N, C-alpha and C. Protein backbone atom coordinates (compact mmCIF):
# COMPACT_ATOMS: atom_id res chain seq x y z
N MET A 1 16.36 78.59 87.78
CA MET A 1 16.57 78.14 89.11
C MET A 1 17.40 79.15 89.86
N ALA A 2 16.92 79.52 90.92
CA ALA A 2 17.55 80.55 91.74
C ALA A 2 18.42 79.87 92.79
N THR A 3 19.61 80.47 92.97
CA THR A 3 20.52 79.90 93.96
C THR A 3 20.55 80.80 95.17
N THR A 4 20.65 80.19 96.25
CA THR A 4 20.76 80.93 97.50
C THR A 4 22.05 80.52 98.18
N LEU A 5 22.36 81.23 99.19
CA LEU A 5 23.61 80.96 99.91
C LEU A 5 23.51 79.70 100.77
N THR A 6 22.33 79.18 100.91
CA THR A 6 22.17 78.01 101.76
C THR A 6 22.22 76.70 101.00
N ASP A 7 22.15 76.79 99.69
CA ASP A 7 22.26 75.53 98.96
C ASP A 7 23.73 75.20 98.69
N THR A 8 24.01 74.12 98.01
CA THR A 8 25.36 73.62 97.83
C THR A 8 26.23 74.60 97.07
N ARG A 9 25.72 75.17 96.03
CA ARG A 9 26.49 76.14 95.25
C ARG A 9 26.83 77.37 96.07
N GLY A 10 25.95 77.84 96.85
CA GLY A 10 26.18 79.01 97.69
C GLY A 10 27.23 78.75 98.76
N ILE A 11 27.17 77.56 99.35
CA ILE A 11 28.15 77.21 100.37
C ILE A 11 29.55 77.10 99.76
N ILE A 12 29.60 76.51 98.54
CA ILE A 12 30.90 76.40 97.85
C ILE A 12 31.42 77.78 97.52
N ALA A 13 30.54 78.68 97.10
CA ALA A 13 30.95 80.05 96.77
C ALA A 13 31.47 80.77 98.00
N ILE A 14 30.79 80.59 99.13
CA ILE A 14 31.24 81.24 100.36
C ILE A 14 32.59 80.65 100.79
N ALA A 15 32.76 79.33 100.70
CA ALA A 15 34.03 78.70 101.07
C ALA A 15 35.15 79.18 100.15
N ALA A 16 34.86 79.30 98.84
CA ALA A 16 35.87 79.78 97.88
C ALA A 16 36.24 81.22 98.18
N ALA A 17 35.30 82.03 98.56
CA ALA A 17 35.58 83.42 98.92
C ALA A 17 36.44 83.47 100.18
N GLY A 18 36.17 82.61 101.15
CA GLY A 18 36.96 82.56 102.38
C GLY A 18 38.40 82.14 102.09
N VAL A 19 38.55 81.11 101.22
CA VAL A 19 39.88 80.66 100.85
C VAL A 19 40.61 81.78 100.11
N ALA A 20 39.89 82.52 99.26
CA ALA A 20 40.51 83.62 98.51
C ALA A 20 40.96 84.72 99.46
N VAL A 21 40.15 85.02 100.49
CA VAL A 21 40.52 86.04 101.46
C VAL A 21 41.75 85.58 102.25
N LEU A 22 41.78 84.31 102.67
CA LEU A 22 42.94 83.78 103.38
C LEU A 22 44.19 83.81 102.49
N ALA A 23 44.03 83.48 101.22
CA ALA A 23 45.17 83.53 100.29
C ALA A 23 45.65 84.97 100.12
N LEU A 24 44.71 85.92 100.05
CA LEU A 24 45.07 87.33 99.94
C LEU A 24 45.82 87.80 101.19
N ILE A 25 45.39 87.39 102.36
CA ILE A 25 46.08 87.75 103.61
C ILE A 25 47.47 87.13 103.62
N GLY A 26 47.58 85.87 103.19
CA GLY A 26 48.88 85.21 103.11
C GLY A 26 49.82 85.92 102.14
N CYS A 27 49.27 86.36 100.99
CA CYS A 27 50.09 87.09 100.02
C CYS A 27 50.57 88.41 100.59
N VAL A 28 49.73 89.11 101.31
CA VAL A 28 50.13 90.38 101.93
C VAL A 28 51.22 90.14 102.97
N ALA A 29 51.09 89.09 103.78
CA ALA A 29 52.11 88.77 104.78
C ALA A 29 53.44 88.42 104.11
N LEU A 30 53.37 87.61 103.04
CA LEU A 30 54.59 87.29 102.32
C LEU A 30 55.22 88.52 101.68
N LEU A 31 54.40 89.43 101.16
CA LEU A 31 54.91 90.66 100.57
C LEU A 31 55.64 91.50 101.62
N VAL A 32 55.08 91.58 102.82
CA VAL A 32 55.74 92.33 103.91
C VAL A 32 57.07 91.68 104.27
N LYS A 33 57.11 90.35 104.35
CA LYS A 33 58.35 89.66 104.69
C LYS A 33 59.40 89.83 103.59
N VAL A 34 58.99 89.78 102.34
CA VAL A 34 59.94 89.96 101.23
C VAL A 34 60.51 91.38 101.26
N ARG A 35 59.66 92.36 101.53
CA ARG A 35 60.17 93.75 101.60
C ARG A 35 61.17 93.92 102.74
N ARG A 36 60.90 93.31 103.88
CA ARG A 36 61.85 93.36 105.00
C ARG A 36 63.18 92.70 104.61
N LEU A 37 63.07 91.54 103.96
CA LEU A 37 64.26 90.84 103.51
C LEU A 37 65.05 91.69 102.52
N GLN A 38 64.37 92.36 101.59
CA GLN A 38 65.05 93.23 100.63
C GLN A 38 65.75 94.39 101.33
N ARG A 39 65.08 94.97 102.34
CA ARG A 39 65.72 96.06 103.10
C ARG A 39 66.97 95.56 103.80
N ARG A 40 66.91 94.39 104.40
CA ARG A 40 68.07 93.83 105.08
C ARG A 40 69.18 93.48 104.08
N GLN A 41 68.80 93.00 102.91
CA GLN A 41 69.80 92.72 101.88
C GLN A 41 70.49 94.00 101.43
N ARG A 42 69.74 95.09 101.30
CA ARG A 42 70.34 96.36 100.90
C ARG A 42 71.37 96.84 101.92
N VAL A 43 71.13 96.54 103.20
CA VAL A 43 72.10 96.90 104.23
C VAL A 43 73.41 96.14 103.99
N VAL A 44 73.30 94.86 103.64
CA VAL A 44 74.48 94.04 103.42
C VAL A 44 75.09 94.30 102.04
N LEU A 45 74.26 94.32 101.02
CA LEU A 45 74.74 94.41 99.65
C LEU A 45 74.97 95.85 99.18
N GLY A 46 74.34 96.79 99.81
CA GLY A 46 74.47 98.18 99.37
C GLY A 46 73.41 98.50 98.32
N GLU A 47 73.47 99.70 97.82
CA GLU A 47 72.47 100.19 96.88
C GLU A 47 73.01 100.19 95.45
N ARG A 48 73.76 99.17 95.06
CA ARG A 48 74.38 99.17 93.74
C ARG A 48 73.53 98.42 92.71
N GLY A 49 72.34 98.70 92.62
CA GLY A 49 71.51 98.11 91.58
C GLY A 49 71.17 96.66 91.85
N GLU A 50 70.90 95.94 90.77
CA GLU A 50 70.49 94.55 90.86
C GLU A 50 71.71 93.66 91.08
N ARG A 51 71.85 93.14 92.25
CA ARG A 51 72.93 92.22 92.56
C ARG A 51 72.37 91.10 93.40
N ASP A 52 73.05 90.00 93.36
CA ASP A 52 72.62 88.89 94.20
C ASP A 52 73.72 88.55 95.20
N LEU A 53 73.42 87.61 96.07
CA LEU A 53 74.37 87.25 97.10
C LEU A 53 75.63 86.60 96.53
N VAL A 54 75.51 85.89 95.44
CA VAL A 54 76.69 85.24 94.84
C VAL A 54 77.66 86.30 94.34
N ALA A 55 77.16 87.32 93.63
CA ALA A 55 78.03 88.39 93.14
C ALA A 55 78.65 89.14 94.31
N HIS A 56 77.86 89.37 95.34
CA HIS A 56 78.37 90.07 96.52
C HIS A 56 79.47 89.26 97.20
N SER A 57 79.25 87.95 97.35
CA SER A 57 80.28 87.12 98.01
C SER A 57 81.52 87.03 97.13
N ALA A 58 81.39 87.03 95.81
CA ALA A 58 82.56 87.04 94.93
C ALA A 58 83.34 88.34 95.10
N ASP A 59 82.64 89.46 95.19
CA ASP A 59 83.32 90.74 95.43
C ASP A 59 84.02 90.75 96.78
N MET A 60 83.39 90.21 97.80
CA MET A 60 84.00 90.14 99.13
C MET A 60 85.24 89.25 99.09
N HIS A 61 85.17 88.14 98.38
CA HIS A 61 86.32 87.24 98.26
C HIS A 61 87.48 87.96 97.59
N ASP A 62 87.20 88.69 96.51
CA ASP A 62 88.26 89.44 95.82
C ASP A 62 88.87 90.49 96.74
N ALA A 63 88.02 91.17 97.51
CA ALA A 63 88.53 92.19 98.44
C ALA A 63 89.40 91.56 99.52
N PHE A 64 89.01 90.40 100.03
CA PHE A 64 89.81 89.72 101.05
C PHE A 64 91.14 89.23 100.46
N GLU A 65 91.12 88.76 99.23
CA GLU A 65 92.37 88.33 98.59
C GLU A 65 93.31 89.51 98.41
N ALA A 66 92.78 90.66 98.01
CA ALA A 66 93.61 91.86 97.85
C ALA A 66 94.17 92.28 99.21
N LEU A 67 93.36 92.22 100.25
CA LEU A 67 93.82 92.57 101.59
C LEU A 67 94.90 91.60 102.06
N ARG A 68 94.72 90.31 101.81
CA ARG A 68 95.72 89.32 102.19
C ARG A 68 97.04 89.57 101.47
N ALA A 69 96.98 89.88 100.19
CA ALA A 69 98.20 90.16 99.44
C ALA A 69 98.90 91.39 100.00
N TYR A 70 98.12 92.41 100.36
CA TYR A 70 98.71 93.63 100.94
C TYR A 70 99.37 93.33 102.29
N VAL A 71 98.68 92.56 103.13
CA VAL A 71 99.22 92.21 104.45
C VAL A 71 100.49 91.38 104.29
N ASP A 72 100.51 90.45 103.32
CA ASP A 72 101.73 89.66 103.07
C ASP A 72 102.88 90.57 102.64
N GLU A 73 102.60 91.52 101.78
CA GLU A 73 103.63 92.46 101.31
C GLU A 73 104.17 93.30 102.46
N VAL A 74 103.27 93.79 103.30
CA VAL A 74 103.70 94.58 104.47
C VAL A 74 104.51 93.71 105.43
N ALA A 75 104.10 92.47 105.64
CA ALA A 75 104.83 91.57 106.54
C ALA A 75 106.24 91.31 106.02
N ILE A 76 106.39 91.14 104.72
CA ILE A 76 107.73 90.92 104.14
C ILE A 76 108.59 92.17 104.36
N GLY A 77 108.01 93.35 104.14
CA GLY A 77 108.74 94.59 104.37
C GLY A 77 109.14 94.76 105.82
N LEU A 78 108.23 94.44 106.74
CA LEU A 78 108.54 94.55 108.17
C LEU A 78 109.61 93.55 108.58
N GLU A 79 109.56 92.36 108.00
CA GLU A 79 110.56 91.36 108.32
C GLU A 79 111.95 91.83 107.89
N ALA A 80 112.02 92.45 106.71
CA ALA A 80 113.31 92.97 106.23
C ALA A 80 113.81 94.09 107.13
N ARG A 81 112.89 94.99 107.53
CA ARG A 81 113.29 96.09 108.41
C ARG A 81 113.71 95.57 109.77
N LEU A 82 113.01 94.57 110.27
CA LEU A 82 113.36 93.99 111.57
C LEU A 82 114.73 93.33 111.51
N GLY A 83 115.02 92.65 110.40
CA GLY A 83 116.34 92.04 110.25
C GLY A 83 117.43 93.09 110.27
N GLY A 84 117.20 94.23 109.62
CA GLY A 84 118.18 95.32 109.65
C GLY A 84 118.35 95.89 111.04
N ALA A 85 117.24 96.03 111.76
CA ALA A 85 117.32 96.57 113.13
C ALA A 85 118.06 95.59 114.04
N GLU A 86 117.80 94.30 113.88
CA GLU A 86 118.51 93.31 114.70
C GLU A 86 120.00 93.32 114.41
N ALA A 87 120.36 93.46 113.14
CA ALA A 87 121.77 93.52 112.78
C ALA A 87 122.43 94.75 113.40
N ALA A 88 121.72 95.87 113.38
CA ALA A 88 122.27 97.09 113.97
C ALA A 88 122.41 96.97 115.49
N LEU A 89 121.49 96.27 116.12
CA LEU A 89 121.53 96.14 117.58
C LEU A 89 122.59 95.16 118.06
N ARG A 90 123.07 94.28 117.17
CA ARG A 90 124.11 93.33 117.60
C ARG A 90 125.36 94.05 118.08
N GLY A 91 125.63 95.22 117.51
CA GLY A 91 126.81 95.97 117.90
C GLY A 91 126.56 96.96 119.02
N ALA A 92 125.33 97.03 119.52
CA ALA A 92 125.00 97.98 120.59
C ALA A 92 125.46 97.43 121.94
N PHE A 93 125.78 98.33 122.84
CA PHE A 93 126.19 97.90 124.18
C PHE A 93 124.98 97.33 124.91
N ALA A 94 125.08 96.08 125.28
CA ALA A 94 123.99 95.40 125.99
C ALA A 94 124.37 95.10 127.43
N HIS A 95 125.68 95.09 127.73
CA HIS A 95 126.16 94.76 129.07
C HIS A 95 127.08 95.88 129.52
N ARG A 96 126.88 96.30 130.74
CA ARG A 96 127.72 97.39 131.26
C ARG A 96 127.87 97.23 132.77
N ALA A 97 128.98 97.72 133.25
CA ALA A 97 129.22 97.69 134.70
C ALA A 97 130.24 98.78 135.04
N LEU A 98 130.15 99.26 136.24
CA LEU A 98 131.08 100.28 136.74
C LEU A 98 131.64 99.79 138.07
N VAL A 99 132.96 99.83 138.19
CA VAL A 99 133.62 99.43 139.44
C VAL A 99 134.36 100.65 139.98
N ARG A 100 134.05 101.04 141.20
CA ARG A 100 134.73 102.18 141.86
C ARG A 100 135.79 101.62 142.81
N TYR A 101 136.91 102.32 142.89
CA TYR A 101 137.98 101.86 143.78
C TYR A 101 138.93 103.02 144.09
N ASP A 102 139.76 102.81 145.07
CA ASP A 102 140.77 103.78 145.48
C ASP A 102 142.10 103.27 144.94
N ALA A 103 142.57 103.84 143.84
CA ALA A 103 143.72 103.31 143.12
C ALA A 103 145.02 103.42 143.90
N TYR A 104 145.20 104.48 144.69
CA TYR A 104 146.49 104.71 145.36
C TYR A 104 146.39 104.52 146.88
N ASN A 105 145.33 103.91 147.35
CA ASN A 105 145.13 103.70 148.78
C ASN A 105 145.27 105.00 149.57
N GLU A 106 144.72 106.07 149.00
CA GLU A 106 144.81 107.38 149.65
C GLU A 106 143.57 107.71 150.47
N LEU A 107 142.61 106.83 150.47
CA LEU A 107 141.33 107.11 151.12
C LEU A 107 140.70 108.36 150.53
N SER A 108 140.71 108.44 149.21
CA SER A 108 140.18 109.63 148.52
C SER A 108 138.72 109.46 148.12
N GLY A 109 138.05 108.50 148.65
CA GLY A 109 136.63 108.35 148.37
C GLY A 109 136.33 107.54 147.13
N LYS A 110 137.23 106.64 146.79
CA LYS A 110 137.02 105.74 145.65
C LYS A 110 136.63 106.52 144.39
N GLN A 111 137.51 107.44 144.01
CA GLN A 111 137.26 108.29 142.85
C GLN A 111 137.71 107.64 141.53
N SER A 112 138.48 106.56 141.58
CA SER A 112 138.90 105.88 140.36
C SER A 112 137.79 104.92 139.95
N VAL A 113 137.64 104.77 138.63
CA VAL A 113 136.58 103.90 138.13
C VAL A 113 137.08 103.09 136.93
N SER A 114 136.50 101.91 136.76
CA SER A 114 136.65 101.11 135.54
C SER A 114 135.25 100.80 135.05
N ILE A 115 135.02 101.08 133.77
CA ILE A 115 133.70 100.89 133.17
C ILE A 115 133.83 99.90 132.02
N ALA A 116 133.00 98.86 132.04
CA ALA A 116 132.97 97.88 130.94
C ALA A 116 131.71 98.12 130.13
N LEU A 117 131.86 98.28 128.81
CA LEU A 117 130.73 98.43 127.88
C LEU A 117 130.87 97.36 126.81
N LEU A 118 129.98 96.34 126.85
CA LEU A 118 130.11 95.17 125.99
C LEU A 118 128.81 94.88 125.25
N ASP A 119 128.93 94.31 124.05
CA ASP A 119 127.76 93.91 123.28
C ASP A 119 127.41 92.45 123.58
N ASP A 120 126.44 91.91 122.84
CA ASP A 120 126.03 90.52 123.09
C ASP A 120 127.07 89.49 122.69
N GLN A 121 128.05 89.88 121.88
CA GLN A 121 129.14 88.97 121.54
C GLN A 121 130.28 89.07 122.55
N ARG A 122 130.03 89.76 123.66
CA ARG A 122 131.00 89.95 124.75
C ARG A 122 132.21 90.75 124.29
N SER A 123 131.98 91.65 123.36
CA SER A 123 133.05 92.50 122.86
C SER A 123 132.69 93.96 123.10
N GLY A 124 133.71 94.79 123.23
CA GLY A 124 133.49 96.20 123.46
C GLY A 124 134.74 96.85 124.01
N ILE A 125 134.56 97.70 125.02
CA ILE A 125 135.70 98.42 125.60
C ILE A 125 135.61 98.43 127.12
N VAL A 126 136.78 98.63 127.73
CA VAL A 126 136.86 98.90 129.16
C VAL A 126 137.59 100.23 129.29
N LEU A 127 136.95 101.17 129.96
CA LEU A 127 137.55 102.48 130.24
C LEU A 127 137.91 102.54 131.71
N SER A 128 139.12 102.98 131.99
CA SER A 128 139.54 103.15 133.38
C SER A 128 140.02 104.58 133.55
N CYS A 129 139.55 105.19 134.60
CA CYS A 129 139.98 106.55 134.94
C CYS A 129 140.60 106.48 136.34
N ILE A 130 141.91 106.71 136.39
CA ILE A 130 142.66 106.62 137.64
C ILE A 130 142.86 108.04 138.17
N HIS A 131 142.26 108.31 139.31
CA HIS A 131 142.37 109.64 139.92
C HIS A 131 143.43 109.65 141.01
N HIS A 132 144.26 110.67 140.96
CA HIS A 132 145.27 110.94 141.98
C HIS A 132 144.98 112.34 142.47
N ARG A 133 145.62 112.76 143.52
CA ARG A 133 145.35 114.09 144.08
C ARG A 133 145.43 115.20 143.05
N ASP A 134 146.47 115.20 142.26
CA ASP A 134 146.67 116.33 141.36
C ASP A 134 146.62 115.93 139.89
N GLN A 135 146.19 114.73 139.56
CA GLN A 135 146.08 114.34 138.15
C GLN A 135 145.08 113.19 138.01
N ALA A 136 144.65 113.01 136.77
CA ALA A 136 143.78 111.88 136.44
C ALA A 136 144.23 111.32 135.09
N ARG A 137 144.22 110.02 134.96
CA ARG A 137 144.61 109.37 133.72
C ARG A 137 143.46 108.48 133.26
N VAL A 138 143.25 108.46 131.94
CA VAL A 138 142.19 107.65 131.36
C VAL A 138 142.82 106.62 130.44
N TYR A 139 142.40 105.36 130.59
CA TYR A 139 142.91 104.26 129.78
C TYR A 139 141.72 103.58 129.12
N ALA A 140 141.90 103.19 127.87
CA ALA A 140 140.86 102.44 127.14
C ALA A 140 141.48 101.17 126.59
N LYS A 141 140.77 100.05 126.79
CA LYS A 141 141.25 98.76 126.29
C LYS A 141 140.10 98.05 125.58
N ALA A 142 140.43 97.44 124.45
CA ALA A 142 139.43 96.67 123.69
C ALA A 142 139.22 95.31 124.34
N VAL A 143 137.99 94.82 124.23
CA VAL A 143 137.64 93.50 124.75
C VAL A 143 136.98 92.73 123.61
N ASN A 144 137.43 91.52 123.37
CA ASN A 144 136.83 90.64 122.36
C ASN A 144 136.52 89.30 123.00
N GLY A 145 135.26 88.88 122.90
CA GLY A 145 134.87 87.59 123.48
C GLY A 145 135.07 87.52 124.97
N GLY A 146 134.99 88.62 125.67
CA GLY A 146 135.14 88.65 127.12
C GLY A 146 136.58 88.73 127.59
N GLN A 147 137.55 88.78 126.67
CA GLN A 147 138.97 88.85 127.03
C GLN A 147 139.56 90.15 126.50
N GLY A 148 140.40 90.78 127.29
CA GLY A 148 141.04 92.02 126.88
C GLY A 148 142.13 91.75 125.85
N GLU A 149 142.23 92.65 124.85
CA GLU A 149 143.32 92.52 123.87
C GLU A 149 144.66 92.81 124.55
N LEU A 150 144.66 93.72 125.52
CA LEU A 150 145.81 93.97 126.38
C LEU A 150 145.46 93.40 127.76
N GLU A 151 146.46 93.21 128.58
CA GLU A 151 146.19 92.66 129.91
C GLU A 151 145.33 93.65 130.70
N LEU A 152 144.29 93.11 131.31
CA LEU A 152 143.36 93.92 132.09
C LEU A 152 143.78 93.94 133.55
N SER A 153 143.58 95.09 134.21
CA SER A 153 143.84 95.19 135.64
C SER A 153 142.77 94.39 136.39
N PRO A 154 143.01 94.10 137.67
CA PRO A 154 141.99 93.35 138.44
C PRO A 154 140.64 94.08 138.46
N GLU A 155 140.66 95.41 138.53
CA GLU A 155 139.40 96.17 138.55
C GLU A 155 138.69 96.07 137.20
N GLU A 156 139.47 96.09 136.12
CA GLU A 156 138.89 95.98 134.78
C GLU A 156 138.31 94.58 134.57
N VAL A 157 139.01 93.56 135.04
CA VAL A 157 138.51 92.18 134.97
C VAL A 157 137.19 92.08 135.74
N GLU A 158 137.15 92.71 136.92
CA GLU A 158 135.93 92.70 137.74
C GLU A 158 134.79 93.39 137.00
N ALA A 159 135.06 94.51 136.34
CA ALA A 159 134.02 95.22 135.59
C ALA A 159 133.49 94.35 134.46
N VAL A 160 134.35 93.65 133.73
CA VAL A 160 133.92 92.76 132.66
C VAL A 160 133.10 91.61 133.24
N ARG A 161 133.57 91.03 134.34
CA ARG A 161 132.83 89.92 134.97
C ARG A 161 131.43 90.34 135.38
N ILE A 162 131.33 91.50 136.03
CA ILE A 162 130.02 91.98 136.49
C ILE A 162 129.12 92.27 135.29
N ALA A 163 129.68 92.88 134.26
CA ALA A 163 128.89 93.22 133.08
C ALA A 163 128.33 91.96 132.41
N LEU A 164 129.08 90.90 132.39
CA LEU A 164 128.66 89.67 131.71
C LEU A 164 127.85 88.73 132.59
N SER A 165 127.76 89.03 133.89
CA SER A 165 126.96 88.17 134.76
C SER A 165 125.48 88.36 134.42
N PRO A 166 124.65 87.34 134.65
CA PRO A 166 123.23 87.43 134.28
C PRO A 166 122.50 88.62 134.89
N ALA A 167 122.79 88.95 136.10
CA ALA A 167 122.11 90.08 136.75
C ALA A 167 122.99 91.31 136.75
N GLY A 168 124.10 91.31 136.01
CA GLY A 168 125.10 92.35 136.14
C GLY A 168 124.94 93.56 135.25
N SER A 169 124.06 93.57 134.28
CA SER A 169 123.98 94.70 133.38
C SER A 169 123.58 95.94 134.14
N GLY A 170 124.45 96.91 134.11
CA GLY A 170 124.17 98.19 134.75
C GLY A 170 124.55 98.27 136.21
N GLU A 171 125.20 97.26 136.75
CA GLU A 171 125.55 97.30 138.17
C GLU A 171 126.76 98.15 138.43
N THR A 172 126.83 98.64 139.63
CA THR A 172 127.99 99.37 140.11
C THR A 172 128.56 98.60 141.29
N ALA A 173 129.87 98.43 141.31
CA ALA A 173 130.51 97.71 142.41
C ALA A 173 131.63 98.56 142.95
N GLU A 174 131.91 98.37 144.22
CA GLU A 174 133.04 99.05 144.83
C GLU A 174 134.07 98.00 145.18
N HIS A 175 135.29 98.31 144.86
CA HIS A 175 136.39 97.34 145.00
C HIS A 175 137.53 98.03 145.73
N LEU A 176 138.14 97.32 146.65
CA LEU A 176 139.27 97.88 147.37
C LEU A 176 140.54 97.47 146.65
N ALA A 177 141.34 98.45 146.22
CA ALA A 177 142.58 98.13 145.51
C ALA A 177 143.71 98.02 146.50
């Protein structure tokens, strides 16, 4: 018995060949997609042989843990250094003021000055330079907590007051003696 393509067996054979061709096209499309996926994975995973995403994520986790430990160590070191810098700055002059005045009422152009140099604890020194026509004298007095260890002149008191005022750091004032 001879079979032709028009009988039942022939039609089944043609349908099976069509399904096989469609399956082959599907396999080729899947092969192309898998190759693209592998190329993209190599970009993420690198070219280190056979590895999977779980091994890669474990390596990334270990690297992040090492980085976190390093950052914590650096932060502790910076905190210690910052504490040392803050301690050193506590003794630095943070408040200052200069008061000019005419000490002997000579109309000499207010050449006498009192300068207050104080830290954040309101301690430091007051320097006064009293100018006269033919001489100048310099006086230094310690200040603790905003008060002079020795009695301060009115100009020195003014210099300390200006230095400790909120807007007074670095101000210059002129005072008539």
